[in-house]
Each structure stands twice: as structure tokens, then as C-alpha cells.
Amino acid sequence: QVQLVESGGGVVETGGSLRLSCAASGDVDSGAIMRYWRQFPDKQREMVARITREGLTNYAESVKGRFTISRDNAKMTIILEMNDLKVEDTGIYYCNYLATGSAHWGPGTQVTVSS
């Protein structure tokens, strides 16, 4: 089993910054891809960013240039730095661990951006 512990999130004004982190523990595969997804208030979901063990990253078009994902392989932790936040970034952010034959989700953390 893999456990994901998330932290960060909260309420911030437009243009502000927040930092999310997610730590994987248990029977982890160091080669796992780790991702952040988000669910908008209308329940639509979007993959925000992903990062491989080698540090290769992909971002949703809506966050490119504003969000940065990083990874500490030794700690199996990822960080999502979110800058220049917009109201439309409001949602529940979920950490996702994806390895061969194994997929796990964190409990989610609320991010609210006020105008």
C-alpha cells in the first residue's frame, strides 16, 4: 500500500501564491509518476502537472508559466508552487501516484482564490 500525505492549500487573493506538497510512503515505487489534479467547483477535473523520476514535467496549458512542480526522489515528495493565482484556479487539488499496477490518490486539499 502507498499512502499520500498532502499539505498546503488555503485561501489567497488573486495574484497570490500557494505551495502544495505531497509525500508518498509505504510500498513506493521510485519510478512512479506523480501528478496533481484538480477538481473545479463544477466538478470538472483537470490534470495540473506531472513529474517523472527523471524530472520530466508536463503542465496544463492553463497553468504554464505560473505553476512549477518539483520532486525529491529520496523523500518521494513533490511540491507544486503556484504563483499568480487566479479565481479560476479555485478547486480541490489532489496528489496522484501512478506506478505499474498501482494508482493512489491523496485526500485532496482546498485552494480558494478570492477576487
N, C-alpha and C. Protein backbone atom coordinates (compact mmCIF):
# COMPACT_ATOMS: atom_id res chain seq x y z
N GLN A 1 0.83 -1.20 0.00
CA GLN A 1 0.00 0.00 0.00
C GLN A 1 0.86 1.25 0.00
N VAL A 2 0.35 2.25 -0.62
CA VAL A 2 1.02 3.55 -0.68
C VAL A 2 0.12 4.58 -0.01
N GLN A 3 0.71 5.38 0.84
CA GLN A 3 -0.04 6.46 1.48
C GLN A 3 0.47 7.79 0.95
N LEU A 4 -0.45 8.68 0.71
CA LEU A 4 -0.11 10.02 0.24
C LEU A 4 -0.58 11.03 1.28
N VAL A 5 0.35 11.84 1.74
CA VAL A 5 0.03 12.88 2.71
C VAL A 5 0.23 14.23 2.04
N GLU A 6 -0.84 14.98 1.98
CA GLU A 6 -0.81 16.28 1.32
C GLU A 6 -0.79 17.39 2.36
N SER A 7 -0.19 18.50 1.96
CA SER A 7 -0.23 19.69 2.80
C SER A 7 -0.21 20.92 1.90
N GLY A 8 -0.55 22.04 2.50
CA GLY A 8 -0.61 23.29 1.76
C GLY A 8 -2.04 23.63 1.44
N GLY A 9 -2.21 24.51 0.51
CA GLY A 9 -3.54 24.97 0.16
C GLY A 9 -3.98 26.09 1.07
N GLY A 10 -5.22 26.50 0.89
CA GLY A 10 -5.77 27.59 1.70
C GLY A 10 -6.44 28.64 0.85
N VAL A 11 -6.55 29.81 1.43
CA VAL A 11 -7.23 30.93 0.76
C VAL A 11 -6.21 32.02 0.46
N VAL A 12 -6.27 32.54 -0.76
CA VAL A 12 -5.33 33.58 -1.17
C VAL A 12 -6.05 34.53 -2.12
N GLU A 13 -5.58 35.74 -2.19
CA GLU A 13 -6.16 36.70 -3.12
C GLU A 13 -5.57 36.50 -4.52
N THR A 14 -6.28 37.00 -5.48
CA THR A 14 -5.82 36.97 -6.86
C THR A 14 -4.41 37.55 -6.95
N GLY A 15 -3.56 36.82 -7.68
CA GLY A 15 -2.17 37.25 -7.82
C GLY A 15 -1.24 36.68 -6.77
N GLY A 16 -1.81 36.05 -5.79
CA GLY A 16 -1.01 35.50 -4.70
C GLY A 16 -0.40 34.15 -5.05
N SER A 17 0.27 33.58 -4.06
CA SER A 17 0.97 32.30 -4.27
C SER A 17 0.62 31.32 -3.16
N LEU A 18 0.66 30.06 -3.54
CA LEU A 18 0.49 28.98 -2.57
C LEU A 18 1.44 27.85 -2.94
N ARG A 19 1.70 27.02 -1.97
CA ARG A 19 2.60 25.88 -2.17
C ARG A 19 1.93 24.63 -1.65
N LEU A 20 1.85 23.63 -2.51
CA LEU A 20 1.30 22.34 -2.11
C LEU A 20 2.42 21.32 -2.08
N SER A 21 2.31 20.37 -1.16
CA SER A 21 3.27 19.29 -1.14
C SER A 21 2.55 17.97 -0.93
N CYS A 22 3.20 16.92 -1.39
CA CYS A 22 2.63 15.58 -1.28
C CYS A 22 3.77 14.61 -1.05
N ALA A 23 3.66 13.84 0.01
CA ALA A 23 4.68 12.86 0.34
C ALA A 23 4.09 11.46 0.24
N ALA A 24 4.79 10.60 -0.50
CA ALA A 24 4.36 9.21 -0.64
C ALA A 24 5.18 8.34 0.29
N SER A 25 4.52 7.40 0.94
CA SER A 25 5.21 6.47 1.83
C SER A 25 4.58 5.09 1.71
N GLY A 26 5.26 4.13 2.27
CA GLY A 26 4.77 2.75 2.19
C GLY A 26 5.52 1.99 1.12
N ASP A 27 4.81 1.21 0.38
CA ASP A 27 5.40 0.37 -0.65
C ASP A 27 5.54 1.16 -1.96
N VAL A 28 6.39 2.17 -1.91
CA VAL A 28 6.50 3.08 -3.05
C VAL A 28 7.45 2.53 -4.11
N ASP A 29 7.16 2.89 -5.32
CA ASP A 29 8.00 2.59 -6.47
C ASP A 29 8.67 3.90 -6.85
N SER A 30 9.99 3.93 -6.77
CA SER A 30 10.70 5.19 -7.04
C SER A 30 10.51 5.67 -8.47
N GLY A 31 10.08 4.79 -9.33
CA GLY A 31 9.84 5.18 -10.72
C GLY A 31 8.44 5.72 -10.98
N ALA A 32 7.65 5.82 -9.95
CA ALA A 32 6.27 6.27 -10.12
C ALA A 32 6.22 7.69 -10.67
N ILE A 33 5.23 7.91 -11.50
CA ILE A 33 4.93 9.26 -11.94
C ILE A 33 4.03 9.88 -10.89
N MET A 34 4.29 11.10 -10.55
CA MET A 34 3.44 11.78 -9.57
C MET A 34 2.82 13.00 -10.22
N ARG A 35 1.58 13.22 -9.90
CA ARG A 35 0.80 14.25 -10.56
C ARG A 35 -0.07 15.00 -9.57
N TYR A 36 -0.47 16.17 -9.96
CA TYR A 36 -1.51 16.91 -9.28
C TYR A 36 -2.67 17.07 -10.25
N TRP A 37 -3.82 16.74 -9.76
CA TRP A 37 -5.06 17.00 -10.47
C TRP A 37 -5.84 18.03 -9.65
N ARG A 38 -6.82 18.61 -10.30
CA ARG A 38 -7.71 19.48 -9.56
C ARG A 38 -9.14 19.27 -10.03
N GLN A 39 -10.04 19.48 -9.08
CA GLN A 39 -11.46 19.41 -9.38
C GLN A 39 -12.06 20.78 -9.14
N PHE A 40 -12.66 21.31 -10.17
CA PHE A 40 -13.27 22.64 -10.09
C PHE A 40 -14.61 22.57 -9.37
N PRO A 41 -15.14 23.70 -8.95
CA PRO A 41 -16.43 23.72 -8.26
C PRO A 41 -17.55 23.07 -9.06
N ASP A 42 -17.44 23.09 -10.39
CA ASP A 42 -18.47 22.45 -11.22
C ASP A 42 -18.21 20.96 -11.42
N LYS A 43 -17.23 20.43 -10.69
CA LYS A 43 -16.88 19.01 -10.66
C LYS A 43 -16.01 18.56 -11.84
N GLN A 44 -15.75 19.47 -12.77
CA GLN A 44 -14.83 19.12 -13.85
C GLN A 44 -13.44 18.90 -13.27
N ARG A 45 -12.68 18.00 -13.89
CA ARG A 45 -11.34 17.69 -13.41
C ARG A 45 -10.30 18.00 -14.48
N GLU A 46 -9.13 18.33 -14.02
CA GLU A 46 -8.04 18.68 -14.93
C GLU A 46 -6.72 18.22 -14.30
N MET A 47 -5.87 17.61 -15.12
CA MET A 47 -4.54 17.31 -14.64
C MET A 47 -3.73 18.59 -14.68
N VAL A 48 -3.20 18.98 -13.54
CA VAL A 48 -2.49 20.25 -13.43
C VAL A 48 -1.04 20.11 -13.87
N ALA A 49 -0.37 19.10 -13.33
CA ALA A 49 1.05 18.92 -13.61
C ALA A 49 1.45 17.50 -13.27
N ARG A 50 2.50 17.05 -13.94
CA ARG A 50 3.03 15.73 -13.66
C ARG A 50 4.54 15.79 -13.70
N ILE A 51 5.17 14.87 -12.98
CA ILE A 51 6.63 14.84 -12.97
C ILE A 51 7.09 13.40 -12.83
N THR A 52 8.09 13.04 -13.61
CA THR A 52 8.66 11.71 -13.55
C THR A 52 9.84 11.69 -12.59
N ARG A 53 10.36 10.49 -12.36
CA ARG A 53 11.54 10.35 -11.50
C ARG A 53 12.71 11.14 -12.08
N GLU A 54 12.78 11.19 -13.41
CA GLU A 54 13.88 11.88 -14.07
C GLU A 54 13.70 13.40 -14.09
N GLY A 55 12.55 13.84 -13.61
CA GLY A 55 12.32 15.28 -13.55
C GLY A 55 11.62 15.85 -14.77
N LEU A 56 11.13 14.98 -15.65
CA LEU A 56 10.40 15.46 -16.81
C LEU A 56 9.02 15.93 -16.36
N THR A 57 8.62 17.08 -16.84
CA THR A 57 7.37 17.68 -16.39
C THR A 57 6.42 17.98 -17.54
N ASN A 58 5.16 18.00 -17.23
CA ASN A 58 4.12 18.44 -18.14
C ASN A 58 3.12 19.26 -17.33
N TYR A 59 2.55 20.25 -17.99
CA TYR A 59 1.60 21.13 -17.32
C TYR A 59 0.36 21.33 -18.18
N ALA A 60 -0.73 21.58 -17.51
CA ALA A 60 -1.92 22.03 -18.22
C ALA A 60 -1.63 23.39 -18.82
N GLU A 61 -2.20 23.65 -19.97
CA GLU A 61 -1.98 24.94 -20.63
C GLU A 61 -2.38 26.10 -19.73
N SER A 62 -3.40 25.89 -18.94
CA SER A 62 -3.94 26.96 -18.11
C SER A 62 -2.99 27.39 -16.98
N VAL A 63 -1.98 26.57 -16.69
CA VAL A 63 -1.09 26.91 -15.58
C VAL A 63 0.35 27.12 -16.01
N LYS A 64 0.63 26.90 -17.26
CA LYS A 64 2.00 27.06 -17.74
C LYS A 64 2.52 28.47 -17.46
N GLY A 65 3.73 28.52 -16.96
CA GLY A 65 4.33 29.81 -16.65
C GLY A 65 3.97 30.33 -15.27
N ARG A 66 3.01 29.71 -14.64
CA ARG A 66 2.60 30.16 -13.29
C ARG A 66 2.87 29.10 -12.22
N PHE A 67 2.73 27.84 -12.59
CA PHE A 67 2.92 26.74 -11.65
C PHE A 67 4.21 26.01 -11.97
N THR A 68 4.85 25.51 -10.93
CA THR A 68 6.06 24.72 -11.10
C THR A 68 5.98 23.50 -10.18
N ILE A 69 6.21 22.34 -10.77
CA ILE A 69 6.23 21.11 -9.99
C ILE A 69 7.66 20.63 -9.86
N SER A 70 8.00 20.17 -8.67
CA SER A 70 9.33 19.64 -8.43
C SER A 70 9.23 18.37 -7.60
N ARG A 71 10.34 17.68 -7.52
CA ARG A 71 10.29 16.35 -6.89
C ARG A 71 11.57 16.07 -6.15
N ASP A 72 11.44 15.47 -5.00
CA ASP A 72 12.58 14.97 -4.22
C ASP A 72 12.45 13.45 -4.20
N ASN A 73 13.26 12.78 -4.99
CA ASN A 73 13.13 11.33 -5.11
C ASN A 73 13.49 10.61 -3.81
N ALA A 74 14.45 11.14 -3.10
CA ALA A 74 14.87 10.50 -1.85
C ALA A 74 13.72 10.49 -0.83
N LYS A 75 12.94 11.55 -0.84
CA LYS A 75 11.83 11.67 0.10
C LYS A 75 10.50 11.30 -0.53
N MET A 76 10.51 10.98 -1.81
CA MET A 76 9.27 10.70 -2.56
C MET A 76 8.23 11.77 -2.27
N THR A 77 8.67 12.97 -2.47
CA THR A 77 7.82 14.13 -2.22
C THR A 77 7.79 15.02 -3.45
N ILE A 78 6.64 15.55 -3.73
CA ILE A 78 6.54 16.54 -4.79
C ILE A 78 6.02 17.85 -4.21
N ILE A 79 6.41 18.91 -4.87
CA ILE A 79 6.00 20.26 -4.48
C ILE A 79 5.36 20.92 -5.69
N LEU A 80 4.27 21.58 -5.49
CA LEU A 80 3.64 22.37 -6.54
C LEU A 80 3.63 23.82 -6.08
N GLU A 81 4.45 24.62 -6.72
CA GLU A 81 4.50 26.05 -6.44
C GLU A 81 3.51 26.74 -7.38
N MET A 82 2.59 27.46 -6.81
CA MET A 82 1.55 28.10 -7.61
C MET A 82 1.65 29.61 -7.42
N ASN A 83 1.94 30.29 -8.50
CA ASN A 83 2.09 31.74 -8.47
C ASN A 83 1.05 32.41 -9.35
N ASP A 84 0.89 33.70 -9.12
CA ASP A 84 -0.07 34.49 -9.92
C ASP A 84 -1.42 33.76 -9.99
N LEU A 85 -1.90 33.38 -8.86
CA LEU A 85 -3.14 32.61 -8.81
C LEU A 85 -4.32 33.44 -9.27
N LYS A 86 -5.25 32.75 -9.92
CA LYS A 86 -6.45 33.37 -10.46
C LYS A 86 -7.68 32.72 -9.83
N VAL A 87 -8.77 33.42 -9.90
CA VAL A 87 -10.02 32.89 -9.34
C VAL A 87 -10.33 31.52 -9.93
N GLU A 88 -10.04 31.37 -11.21
CA GLU A 88 -10.33 30.10 -11.89
C GLU A 88 -9.42 28.95 -11.47
N ASP A 89 -8.45 29.23 -10.62
CA ASP A 89 -7.62 28.16 -10.05
C ASP A 89 -8.27 27.54 -8.83
N THR A 90 -9.36 28.10 -8.39
CA THR A 90 -10.06 27.58 -7.22
C THR A 90 -10.52 26.15 -7.46
N GLY A 91 -10.28 25.30 -6.48
CA GLY A 91 -10.71 23.92 -6.59
C GLY A 91 -10.07 23.06 -5.53
N ILE A 92 -10.33 21.78 -5.61
CA ILE A 92 -9.69 20.81 -4.72
C ILE A 92 -8.55 20.19 -5.50
N TYR A 93 -7.39 20.22 -4.92
CA TYR A 93 -6.19 19.70 -5.57
C TYR A 93 -5.83 18.34 -4.98
N TYR A 94 -5.64 17.38 -5.87
CA TYR A 94 -5.36 16.01 -5.45
C TYR A 94 -3.98 15.57 -5.93
N CYS A 95 -3.24 14.97 -5.05
CA CYS A 95 -1.99 14.33 -5.41
C CYS A 95 -2.29 12.93 -5.94
N ASN A 96 -1.60 12.53 -6.96
CA ASN A 96 -1.82 11.23 -7.58
C ASN A 96 -0.50 10.53 -7.82
N TYR A 97 -0.43 9.30 -7.39
CA TYR A 97 0.76 8.46 -7.56
C TYR A 97 0.41 7.38 -8.56
N LEU A 98 1.24 7.25 -9.57
CA LEU A 98 0.94 6.30 -10.64
C LEU A 98 2.17 5.47 -10.96
N ALA A 99 2.06 4.17 -10.67
CA ALA A 99 3.14 3.24 -10.98
C ALA A 99 2.53 2.04 -11.69
N THR A 100 3.35 1.17 -12.18
CA THR A 100 2.84 -0.01 -12.87
C THR A 100 1.98 -0.82 -11.91
N GLY A 101 0.72 -0.97 -12.27
CA GLY A 101 -0.20 -1.74 -11.45
C GLY A 101 -0.61 -1.09 -10.16
N SER A 102 -0.34 0.19 -10.01
CA SER A 102 -0.64 0.85 -8.74
C SER A 102 -0.99 2.30 -8.97
N ALA A 103 -2.13 2.70 -8.46
CA ALA A 103 -2.54 4.10 -8.55
C ALA A 103 -3.17 4.49 -7.22
N HIS A 104 -2.75 5.63 -6.70
CA HIS A 104 -3.25 6.09 -5.42
C HIS A 104 -3.52 7.57 -5.47
N TRP A 105 -4.47 8.00 -4.64
CA TRP A 105 -4.85 9.40 -4.58
C TRP A 105 -4.75 9.91 -3.15
N GLY A 106 -4.34 11.15 -3.05
CA GLY A 106 -4.37 11.80 -1.75
C GLY A 106 -5.79 12.25 -1.43
N PRO A 107 -6.01 12.71 -0.21
CA PRO A 107 -7.36 13.11 0.20
C PRO A 107 -7.81 14.42 -0.43
N GLY A 108 -6.88 15.18 -0.97
CA GLY A 108 -7.24 16.46 -1.58
C GLY A 108 -7.08 17.61 -0.61
N THR A 109 -6.76 18.77 -1.17
CA THR A 109 -6.64 19.97 -0.37
C THR A 109 -7.30 21.12 -1.11
N GLN A 110 -8.00 21.95 -0.38
CA GLN A 110 -8.76 23.03 -1.00
C GLN A 110 -7.88 24.24 -1.27
N VAL A 111 -8.00 24.74 -2.46
CA VAL A 111 -7.35 26.00 -2.84
C VAL A 111 -8.47 26.97 -3.25
N THR A 112 -8.51 28.10 -2.59
CA THR A 112 -9.52 29.10 -2.90
C THR A 112 -8.83 30.42 -3.20
N VAL A 113 -9.13 30.97 -4.38
CA VAL A 113 -8.55 32.24 -4.78
C VAL A 113 -9.68 33.25 -4.84
N SER A 114 -9.56 34.29 -4.06
CA SER A 114 -10.61 35.29 -3.99
C SER A 114 -10.24 36.50 -4.85
N SER A 115 -11.26 37.15 -5.37
CA SER A 115 -11.02 38.31 -6.22
C SER A 115 -10.91 39.58 -5.41
